[in-house]
Amino acid sequence: MVIAIDGPAGAGKSTVARALARRLGFAYLDSGAMYRCVALLSLQEPERPPAALAVSARIEFAPAGDSAAGDSGASDAASNHVASTRVLLGGHDVSKAIRTPEVSEAASHVAADPGVREVLVAKQRELIAAGDLVAEGRDIGTIVAPEAVLKVYLTADPAERARRRAAELGAEQATVLAEQALRDERDSTRAHSPLRAALGAVVLDTTGMSVEQAVERIVELARSARASA
């Protein structure tokens, strides 16, 4: 069973998806981390085309003993109880390196490259084909796994999303809100795989919700979807 979770930054995708995967005993895929890895490589090797970097990138996910970075949760509370994942690039742990503001900005541009998307979507589909999995990103339900048994579009009020990201990054909320608006616009209007709710997706607004509440709601949806499949 594949559960696809899409949505904008700060909606709680990573935290909720990790907690959901742990609750169900499923594997977890953070597709955004894969684009961040390519962005990190592009900053290190600007002379190489991003698509070529995506082809050669060896990206893996491994369990971690402590909390990993990612979208802050549906609520800051309980985030320390969420299963975490290390992101490995060429065998090296880049979990923190791919979360810097510079990489975040570069990732938004890299993700708009159709060549990069083609390569990473193929890699994501290989991972999804392995079995029960919770996958999160911005085009899982629309492009990567439109056949997913359950598709969820996780969102939240823009101000709440900015507050979460500001707390995560240690930045000014007003600055994060302005940058967030630009990224939302860029992600939703790009020509390839624009950010939007997939056909048949359940829209879940996490504003004011705890991680446990969001996870419990998706577990209920998963049970219903599996029974109907």
C-alpha atoms as a PDB file:
ATOM      1  CA  MET A   1       0.000   0.000   0.000  1.00  0.00           C
ATOM      2  CA  VAL A   2       1.321   3.428  -0.936  1.00  0.00           C
ATOM      3  CA  ILE A   3       0.197   6.550   0.922  1.00  0.00           C
ATOM      4  CA  ALA A   4       1.051   9.763  -0.929  1.00  0.00           C
ATOM      5  CA  ILE A   5       1.309  12.976   1.086  1.00  0.00           C
ATOM      6  CA  ASP A   6       1.796  16.242  -0.772  1.00  0.00           C
ATOM      7  CA  GLY A   7       1.659  19.868   0.282  1.00  0.00           C
ATOM      8  CA  PRO A   8       3.603  23.106   0.706  1.00  0.00           C
ATOM      9  CA  ALA A   9       6.523  23.725   3.065  1.00  0.00           C
ATOM     10  CA  GLY A  10       5.580  24.061   6.723  1.00  0.00           C
ATOM     11  CA  ALA A  11       2.377  22.050   6.420  1.00  0.00           C
ATOM     12  CA  GLY A  12       3.875  19.219   8.472  1.00  0.00           C
ATOM     13  CA  LYS A  13       4.520  16.714   5.677  1.00  0.00           C
ATOM     14  CA  SER A  14       7.829  15.331   6.912  1.00  0.00           C
ATOM     15  CA  THR A  15       6.903  15.081  10.571  1.00  0.00           C
ATOM     16  CA  VAL A  16       3.480  13.607   9.911  1.00  0.00           C
ATOM     17  CA  ALA A  17       4.729  11.237   7.199  1.00  0.00           C
ATOM     18  CA  ARG A  18       7.535   9.901   9.406  1.00  0.00           C
ATOM     19  CA  ALA A  19       5.153   9.400  12.325  1.00  0.00           C
ATOM     20  CA  LEU A  20       2.614   7.739  10.051  1.00  0.00           C
ATOM     21  CA  ALA A  21       5.228   5.377   8.595  1.00  0.00           C
ATOM     22  CA  ARG A  22       6.325   4.409  12.089  1.00  0.00           C
ATOM     23  CA  ARG A  23       2.731   3.879  13.222  1.00  0.00           C
ATOM     24  CA  LEU A  24       1.952   1.616  10.257  1.00  0.00           C
ATOM     25  CA  GLY A  25       5.336  -0.086  10.039  1.00  0.00           C
ATOM     26  CA  PHE A  26       5.816   1.261   6.491  1.00  0.00           C
ATOM     27  CA  ALA A  27       8.946   2.497   4.768  1.00  0.00           C
ATOM     28  CA  TYR A  28       9.301   6.290   4.407  1.00  0.00           C
ATOM     29  CA  LEU A  29      10.308   8.359   1.383  1.00  0.00           C
ATOM     30  CA  ASP A  30      11.111  12.078   1.566  1.00  0.00           C
ATOM     31  CA  SER A  31      11.152  13.071  -2.102  1.00  0.00           C
ATOM     32  CA  GLY A  32      12.039  16.663  -1.248  1.00  0.00           C
ATOM     33  CA  ALA A  33      15.294  15.479   0.329  1.00  0.00           C
ATOM     34  CA  MET A  34      16.255  13.975  -3.023  1.00  0.00           C
ATOM     35  CA  TYR A  35      15.892  17.357  -4.751  1.00  0.00           C
ATOM     36  CA  ARG A  36      17.834  18.960  -1.921  1.00  0.00           C
ATOM     37  CA  CYS A  37      20.642  16.456  -2.487  1.00  0.00           C
ATOM     38  CA  VAL A  38      20.851  17.424  -6.141  1.00  0.00           C
ATOM     39  CA  ALA A  39      20.755  21.094  -5.128  1.00  0.00           C
ATOM     40  CA  LEU A  40      23.651  20.518  -2.724  1.00  0.00           C
ATOM     41  CA  LEU A  41      25.642  18.852  -5.490  1.00  0.00           C
ATOM     42  CA  SER A  42      24.853  21.707  -7.873  1.00  0.00           C
ATOM     43  CA  LEU A  43      26.249  24.213  -5.381  1.00  0.00           C
ATOM     44  CA  GLN A  44      29.375  22.095  -5.018  1.00  0.00           C
ATOM     45  CA  GLU A  45      29.759  21.435  -8.751  1.00  0.00           C
ATOM     46  CA  PRO A  46      28.116  24.377 -10.561  1.00  0.00           C
ATOM     47  CA  GLU A  47      29.848  23.489 -13.824  1.00  0.00           C
ATOM     48  CA  ARG A  48      27.834  20.256 -14.185  1.00  0.00           C
ATOM     49  CA  PRO A  49      24.216  20.196 -15.405  1.00  0.00           C
ATOM     50  CA  PRO A  50      21.779  19.424 -12.536  1.00  0.00           C
ATOM     51  CA  ALA A  51      20.215  16.559 -14.511  1.00  0.00           C
ATOM     52  CA  ALA A  52      23.636  14.875 -14.837  1.00  0.00           C
ATOM     53  CA  LEU A  53      24.173  15.291 -11.108  1.00  0.00           C
ATOM     54  CA  ALA A  54      20.777  13.688 -10.469  1.00  0.00           C
ATOM     55  CA  VAL A  55      21.703  10.664 -12.577  1.00  0.00           C
ATOM     56  CA  SER A  56      24.948  10.027 -10.700  1.00  0.00           C
ATOM     57  CA  ALA A  57      23.642  10.892  -7.234  1.00  0.00           C
ATOM     58  CA  ARG A  58      23.487   7.918  -4.865  1.00  0.00           C
ATOM     59  CA  ILE A  59      20.754   8.903  -2.420  1.00  0.00           C
ATOM     60  CA  GLU A  60      19.730   6.639   0.444  1.00  0.00           C
ATOM     61  CA  PHE A  61      17.560   6.890   3.544  1.00  0.00           C
ATOM     62  CA  ALA A  62      18.626   5.296   6.827  1.00  0.00           C
ATOM     63  CA  PRO A  63      17.119   5.226  10.342  1.00  0.00           C
ATOM     64  CA  ALA A  64      18.474   7.773  12.812  1.00  0.00           C
ATOM     65  CA  GLY A  65      18.625   7.622  16.565  1.00  0.00           C
ATOM     66  CA  ASP A  66      17.548  11.210  17.071  1.00  0.00           C
ATOM     67  CA  SER A  67      15.240  13.742  15.481  1.00  0.00           C
ATOM     68  CA  ALA A  68      16.124  14.701  11.923  1.00  0.00           C
ATOM     69  CA  ALA A  69      15.448  17.971  10.191  1.00  0.00           C
ATOM     70  CA  GLY A  70      12.457  18.484   7.939  1.00  0.00           C
ATOM     71  CA  ASP A  71       9.156  20.321   7.846  1.00  0.00           C
ATOM     72  CA  SER A  72       8.237  21.121  11.421  1.00  0.00           C
ATOM     73  CA  GLY A  73       5.240  19.102  12.526  1.00  0.00           C
ATOM     74  CA  ALA A  74       1.536  19.724  12.489  1.00  0.00           C
ATOM     75  CA  SER A  75       2.351  21.119  15.908  1.00  0.00           C
ATOM     76  CA  ASP A  76       5.800  21.623  17.429  1.00  0.00           C
ATOM     77  CA  ALA A  77       4.743  19.405  20.314  1.00  0.00           C
ATOM     78  CA  ALA A  78       5.503  15.700  20.017  1.00  0.00           C
ATOM     79  CA  SER A  79       7.942  16.174  17.132  1.00  0.00           C
ATOM     80  CA  ASN A  80      10.669  14.546  19.237  1.00  0.00           C
ATOM     81  CA  HIS A  81       8.612  11.359  19.330  1.00  0.00           C
ATOM     82  CA  VAL A  82       8.584  11.017  15.556  1.00  0.00           C
ATOM     83  CA  ALA A  83      10.673   8.398  13.814  1.00  0.00           C
ATOM     84  CA  SER A  84      13.555  10.146  12.089  1.00  0.00           C
ATOM     85  CA  THR A  85      15.574   9.383   8.999  1.00  0.00           C
ATOM     86  CA  ARG A  86      19.116  10.201   7.925  1.00  0.00           C
ATOM     87  CA  VAL A  87      19.704  11.237   4.341  1.00  0.00           C
ATOM     88  CA  LEU A  88      22.839   9.760   2.820  1.00  0.00           C
ATOM     89  CA  LEU A  89      24.454  11.128  -0.332  1.00  0.00           C
ATOM     90  CA  GLY A  90      27.259   9.010  -1.703  1.00  0.00           C
ATOM     91  CA  GLY A  91      27.382   7.272   1.670  1.00  0.00           C
ATOM     92  CA  HIS A  92      27.786  10.523   3.613  1.00  0.00           C
ATOM     93  CA  ASP A  93      25.177  11.874   6.040  1.00  0.00           C
ATOM     94  CA  VAL A  94      23.899  15.155   4.586  1.00  0.00           C
ATOM     95  CA  SER A  95      20.758  15.430   6.734  1.00  0.00           C
ATOM     96  CA  LYS A  96      21.798  18.832   8.084  1.00  0.00           C
ATOM     97  CA  ALA A  97      23.697  20.065   5.040  1.00  0.00           C
ATOM     98  CA  ILE A  98      20.621  19.855   2.790  1.00  0.00           C
ATOM     99  CA  ARG A  99      18.510  21.970   5.177  1.00  0.00           C
ATOM    100  CA  THR A 100      20.491  25.205   4.948  1.00  0.00           C
ATOM    101  CA  PRO A 101      18.787  28.294   3.465  1.00  0.00           C
ATOM    102  CA  GLU A 102      21.175  28.216   0.500  1.00  0.00           C
ATOM    103  CA  VAL A 103      20.289  24.637  -0.364  1.00  0.00           C
ATOM    104  CA  SER A 104      16.583  25.298   0.185  1.00  0.00           C
ATOM    105  CA  GLU A 105      16.677  28.138  -2.329  1.00  0.00           C
ATOM    106  CA  ALA A 106      18.700  26.093  -4.812  1.00  0.00           C
ATOM    107  CA  ALA A 107      16.346  23.129  -4.401  1.00  0.00           C
ATOM    108  CA  SER A 108      13.368  25.208  -5.462  1.00  0.00           C
ATOM    109  CA  HIS A 109      15.131  26.045  -8.732  1.00  0.00           C
ATOM    110  CA  VAL A 110      16.503  22.528  -9.268  1.00  0.00           C
ATOM    111  CA  ALA A 111      13.028  21.079  -8.770  1.00  0.00           C
ATOM    112  CA  ALA A 112      11.788  23.131 -11.727  1.00  0.00           C
ATOM    113  CA  ASP A 113      14.339  21.483 -14.051  1.00  0.00           C
ATOM    114  CA  PRO A 114      12.436  18.893 -16.145  1.00  0.00           C
ATOM    115  CA  GLY A 115      15.577  16.812 -16.603  1.00  0.00           C
ATOM    116  CA  VAL A 116      16.107  16.563 -12.854  1.00  0.00           C
ATOM    117  CA  ARG A 117      12.464  15.733 -12.261  1.00  0.00           C
ATOM    118  CA  GLU A 118      12.496  12.975 -14.861  1.00  0.00           C
ATOM    119  CA  VAL A 119      15.505  11.308 -13.241  1.00  0.00           C
ATOM    120  CA  LEU A 120      14.320  11.616  -9.648  1.00  0.00           C
ATOM    121  CA  VAL A 121      10.735  10.584 -10.401  1.00  0.00           C
ATOM    122  CA  ALA A 122      12.114   7.368 -11.930  1.00  0.00           C
ATOM    123  CA  LYS A 123      14.216   6.746  -8.799  1.00  0.00           C
ATOM    124  CA  GLN A 124      11.228   7.468  -6.549  1.00  0.00           C
ATOM    125  CA  ARG A 125       9.047   5.045  -8.471  1.00  0.00           C
ATOM    126  CA  GLU A 126      11.648   2.323  -7.988  1.00  0.00           C
ATOM    127  CA  LEU A 127      11.537   2.890  -4.226  1.00  0.00           C
ATOM    128  CA  ILE A 128       7.732   2.962  -4.191  1.00  0.00           C
ATOM    129  CA  ALA A 129       7.538  -0.328  -6.076  1.00  0.00           C
ATOM    130  CA  ALA A 130       9.327  -2.071  -3.197  1.00  0.00           C
ATOM    131  CA  GLY A 131       6.188  -2.320  -1.023  1.00  0.00           C
ATOM    132  CA  ASP A 132       4.253  -0.588   1.772  1.00  0.00           C
ATOM    133  CA  LEU A 133       5.464   2.995   1.904  1.00  0.00           C
ATOM    134  CA  VAL A 134       4.547   6.526   2.972  1.00  0.00           C
ATOM    135  CA  ALA A 135       5.893   8.998   0.400  1.00  0.00           C
ATOM    136  CA  GLU A 136       5.802  12.751   0.831  1.00  0.00           C
ATOM    137  CA  GLY A 137       6.642  15.672  -1.391  1.00  0.00           C
ATOM    138  CA  ARG A 138       4.988  18.038  -3.830  1.00  0.00           C
ATOM    139  CA  ASP A 139       4.051  15.755  -6.732  1.00  0.00           C
ATOM    140  CA  ILE A 140       3.722  12.264  -5.256  1.00  0.00           C
ATOM    141  CA  GLY A 141      -0.010  11.953  -5.818  1.00  0.00           C
ATOM    142  CA  THR A 142      -0.058  13.831  -9.113  1.00  0.00           C
ATOM    143  CA  ILE A 143       3.047  12.489 -10.901  1.00  0.00           C
ATOM    144  CA  VAL A 144       5.098   9.925  -8.988  1.00  0.00           C
ATOM    145  CA  ALA A 145       2.342   7.631  -7.712  1.00  0.00           C
ATOM    146  CA  PRO A 146      -1.061   8.715  -9.023  1.00  0.00           C
ATOM    147  CA  GLU A 147      -2.240   5.143  -8.425  1.00  0.00           C
ATOM    148  CA  ALA A 148      -1.569   5.390  -4.660  1.00  0.00           C
ATOM    149  CA  VAL A 149      -4.342   3.828  -2.585  1.00  0.00           C
ATOM    150  CA  LEU A 150      -4.522   6.979  -0.452  1.00  0.00           C
ATOM    151  CA  LYS A 151      -3.555  10.501  -1.488  1.00  0.00           C
ATOM    152  CA  VAL A 152      -3.497  13.318   1.059  1.00  0.00           C
ATOM    153  CA  TYR A 153      -2.846  17.008   0.449  1.00  0.00           C
ATOM    154  CA  LEU A 154      -1.531  18.418   3.721  1.00  0.00           C
ATOM    155  CA  THR A 155      -1.793  22.162   4.137  1.00  0.00           C
ATOM    156  CA  ALA A 156      -2.080  24.873   6.791  1.00  0.00           C
ATOM    157  CA  ASP A 157      -2.675  28.590   7.134  1.00  0.00           C
ATOM    158  CA  PRO A 158       0.235  30.539   5.535  1.00  0.00           C
ATOM    159  CA  ALA A 159       1.006  32.388   8.769  1.00  0.00           C
ATOM    160  CA  GLU A 160       1.089  29.114  10.699  1.00  0.00           C
ATOM    161  CA  ARG A 161       3.340  27.517   8.116  1.00  0.00           C
ATOM    162  CA  ALA A 162       5.708  30.487   8.294  1.00  0.00           C
ATOM    163  CA  ARG A 163       5.754  30.328  12.091  1.00  0.00           C
ATOM    164  CA  ARG A 164       6.760  26.673  11.996  1.00  0.00           C
ATOM    165  CA  ARG A 165       9.499  27.246   9.426  1.00  0.00           C
ATOM    166  CA  ALA A 166      10.824  30.287  11.297  1.00  0.00           C
ATOM    167  CA  ALA A 167      11.028  28.255  14.512  1.00  0.00           C
ATOM    168  CA  GLU A 168      12.807  25.453  12.661  1.00  0.00           C
ATOM    169  CA  LEU A 169      15.318  27.746  10.962  1.00  0.00           C
ATOM    170  CA  GLY A 170      15.742  30.313  13.728  1.00  0.00           C
ATOM    171  CA  ALA A 171      14.700  33.055  11.314  1.00  0.00           C
ATOM    172  CA  GLU A 172      12.335  36.029  11.404  1.00  0.00           C
ATOM    173  CA  GLN A 173       8.756  34.969  10.717  1.00  0.00           C
ATOM    174  CA  ALA A 174       8.091  37.948   8.422  1.00  0.00           C
ATOM    175  CA  THR A 175      11.096  37.055   6.282  1.00  0.00           C
ATOM    176  CA  VAL A 176      10.072  33.401   6.105  1.00  0.00           C
ATOM    177  CA  LEU A 177       6.517  34.386   5.198  1.00  0.00           C
ATOM    178  CA  ALA A 178       7.720  36.542   2.293  1.00  0.00           C
ATOM    179  CA  GLU A 179      10.079  33.848   1.004  1.00  0.00           C
ATOM    180  CA  GLN A 180       7.359  31.243   1.462  1.00  0.00           C
ATOM    181  CA  ALA A 181       4.941  33.223  -0.700  1.00  0.00           C
ATOM    182  CA  LEU A 182       7.514  33.384  -3.498  1.00  0.00           C
ATOM    183  CA  ARG A 183       8.241  29.667  -3.274  1.00  0.00           C
ATOM    184  CA  ASP A 184       4.545  28.769  -3.207  1.00  0.00           C
ATOM    185  CA  GLU A 185       4.031  30.846  -6.330  1.00  0.00           C
ATOM    186  CA  ARG A 186       7.019  29.262  -8.052  1.00  0.00           C
ATOM    187  CA  ASP A 187       6.012  25.713  -7.069  1.00  0.00           C
ATOM    188  CA  SER A 188       2.374  26.106  -8.070  1.00  0.00           C
ATOM    189  CA  THR A 189       3.005  27.778 -11.433  1.00  0.00           C
ATOM    190  CA  ARG A 190       6.018  25.847 -12.748  1.00  0.00           C
ATOM    191  CA  ALA A 191       5.486  24.114 -16.071  1.00  0.00           C
ATOM    192  CA  HIS A 192       6.506  20.664 -14.858  1.00  0.00           C
ATOM    193  CA  SER A 193       4.771  18.942 -11.920  1.00  0.00           C
ATOM    194  CA  PRO A 194       3.209  22.039 -10.342  1.00  0.00           C
ATOM    195  CA  LEU A 195       2.195  21.852  -6.696  1.00  0.00           C
ATOM    196  CA  ARG A 196      -1.509  21.025  -6.421  1.00  0.00           C
ATOM    197  CA  ALA A 197      -3.832  18.536  -4.804  1.00  0.00           C
ATOM    198  CA  ALA A 198      -4.027  15.295  -6.775  1.00  0.00           C
ATOM    199  CA  LEU A 199      -7.272  14.052  -8.233  1.00  0.00           C
ATOM    200  CA  GLY A 200      -9.070  12.211  -5.464  1.00  0.00           C
ATOM    201  CA  ALA A 201      -6.783  13.525  -2.726  1.00  0.00           C
ATOM    202  CA  VAL A 202      -8.135  14.276   0.743  1.00  0.00           C
ATOM    203  CA  VAL A 203      -7.252  17.852   1.741  1.00  0.00           C
ATOM    204  CA  LEU A 204      -6.192  17.964   5.402  1.00  0.00           C
ATOM    205  CA  ASP A 205      -5.607  21.351   7.043  1.00  0.00           C
ATOM    206  CA  THR A 206      -3.179  20.894   9.956  1.00  0.00           C
ATOM    207  CA  THR A 207      -3.589  24.391  11.400  1.00  0.00           C
ATOM    208  CA  GLY A 208      -3.914  23.926  15.146  1.00  0.00           C
ATOM    209  CA  MET A 209      -3.581  20.148  14.908  1.00  0.00           C
ATOM    210  CA  SER A 210      -1.070  18.061  16.839  1.00  0.00           C
ATOM    211  CA  VAL A 211       1.073  15.458  15.111  1.00  0.00           C
ATOM    212  CA  GLU A 212      -0.943  12.718  16.790  1.00  0.00           C
ATOM    213  CA  GLN A 213      -4.236  14.176  15.577  1.00  0.00           C
ATOM    214  CA  ALA A 214      -3.015  14.460  11.991  1.00  0.00           C
ATOM    215  CA  VAL A 215      -1.577  10.939  12.023  1.00  0.00           C
ATOM    216  CA  GLU A 216      -4.731   9.466  13.549  1.00  0.00           C
ATOM    217  CA  ARG A 217      -6.855  11.105  10.859  1.00  0.00           C
ATOM    218  CA  ILE A 218      -4.677   9.683   8.075  1.00  0.00           C
ATOM    219  CA  VAL A 219      -4.664   6.235   9.707  1.00  0.00           C
ATOM    220  CA  GLU A 220      -8.470   6.336   9.616  1.00  0.00           C
ATOM    221  CA  LEU A 221      -8.370   7.348   5.957  1.00  0.00           C
ATOM    222  CA  ALA A 222      -5.885   4.556   5.202  1.00  0.00           C
ATOM    223  CA  ARG A 223      -8.086   1.937   6.827  1.00  0.00           C
ATOM    224  CA  SER A 224     -11.060   3.154   4.856  1.00  0.00           C
ATOM    225  CA  ALA A 225      -9.096   3.274   1.600  1.00  0.00           C
ATOM    226  CA  ARG A 226      -7.683  -0.215   2.103  1.00  0.00           C
ATOM    227  CA  ALA A 227     -11.141  -1.611   2.861  1.00  0.00           C
ATOM    228  CA  SER A 228     -12.479  -0.033  -0.314  1.00  0.00           C
ATOM    229  CA  ALA A 229      -9.572  -1.124  -2.537  1.00  0.00           C
END
